[in-house]
Amino acid sequence: MSAPLPATLANSLLFRTNSAHTSDRKSSSPAQLSAHSSPSRSPRRLNTDGQITSSEDLKLKVGKRIVVCCDGTWQDGIGEHRSLYTNILRLTRTIHHEDERFQPPIPQIVFYQSGIGTEKNFYSEYIEGTTGGSLADKVEEAYAFIAHNYNPGDEIFLFGFSRGAYTARMVAMFIGEIGVLDRKDMDNFAKIFICYQKLGKTNKPEETAKLKEELLPWCKPDARGRLRADPDGDTFTIKCIGVFDTVGSLGVPESLTLRSKVRKLFGFKDTVLGEHIERAYQALALHEMRADFNCNKYEQTEKGRLKKQTLKQIGGGYKEHDLSDIALLWMAAQVGDILGLDAEYLAKLPQPVAPWGQQKPHE
């Protein structure tokens, strides 16, 4: 059974919701309104137990929740030591199969994507891990999972850490551009994907115009994928995106590429928070000194806090994870009203506080 999570950590890290937009888009979720939601955007009223209270609300009830969790470089879910798990993996294992606060319970389908460089071979671990060489493949894989499981009315959640945060943000951008393709249209996704990749690399006006013309059938307002995701033009396509310290403006360290222009993987910016996203949360590290791992904020951030930590002290992965625990609990507090989380399991994850003066130094 899911239990409500406290939101007392909300002021400790940067947060962002999309309720400040003047859009009239509405939420498809029956979840109770959070402190950061706009009441005018929820088309249904709920009682204190989260139950649907009218036949009209029943028609609007969400079908299921599709949750995609993208981990950071060299991070996977098969490590022997739980203390080294990232916040993405721990959050993945906190999400219930169903949100039993509602009747009938809402199914929650979770996809955990291991990070770049986790294949057990030299090329993956050292070449892809340092250059982000398979980053585009991760974006394609995550989008395909959503497309293969999505039905109109479903809610989409995206979470990510480091380069996985970049993956999540680019998937969100793809959904904003072409909506959610059905299984038959996914036969064309490879062509669409390559067109966007070429669009990100070219600086020739003629080629740019040609590529945009090829993409027009898929990104115009009445394209099938866009109508499938947003049939009435005023529904949030993505319920929530939550990221821990997105690496680099484009996810790939510039010093490890041959030309700066190849760093732009697609023909749109990942820093733009589209109006198709209802909620967005990001935890950022201020003390990350590596130039290729600088904080990459959403441009529309209206209100927030920055935490004085480094990359893994935000996203997890250190043996001493007391600092990253704060970021995890903060994220859980933000989404606890719209996702069914295992509060008992979550309570066991934080590291006990060390005795005074005995805390081991962090890297």
Foldseek 3Di string as FASTA:
>chain_A
DFDAAAQVLQAQFWFWFPQVDPAQFAELELFDDDPPADPSRYPADADPLSEGDDPVNVVSHAAAEEEEQEEEFQADDPDPDPLQHWLSNLQQVFFDQWQVSYVVTHGYHYHYHYYFLNPPDDCRPPVCRQFVVCLLVLLVVRLVVCQAPDFQRYAYEYEYAASRLLSRLVNVVVCLQQARHHPVCVVCVVVLLVLFQVLQQDPDPVSVVVSCVVCCCRRPCPRPRNCRQPVPPRHQSHAEYEYEQYWAQQRGQCVPDPDNSSSRRGNDGSLEDDPSYRTYTYAHEPQAPDPRRHGRHRPPRDDTRYHHDHRCQCTGRDSQNQSVLSNSSNVCNVCSRPTRTNVVSNVPPHDDDDPPPPDDDDD
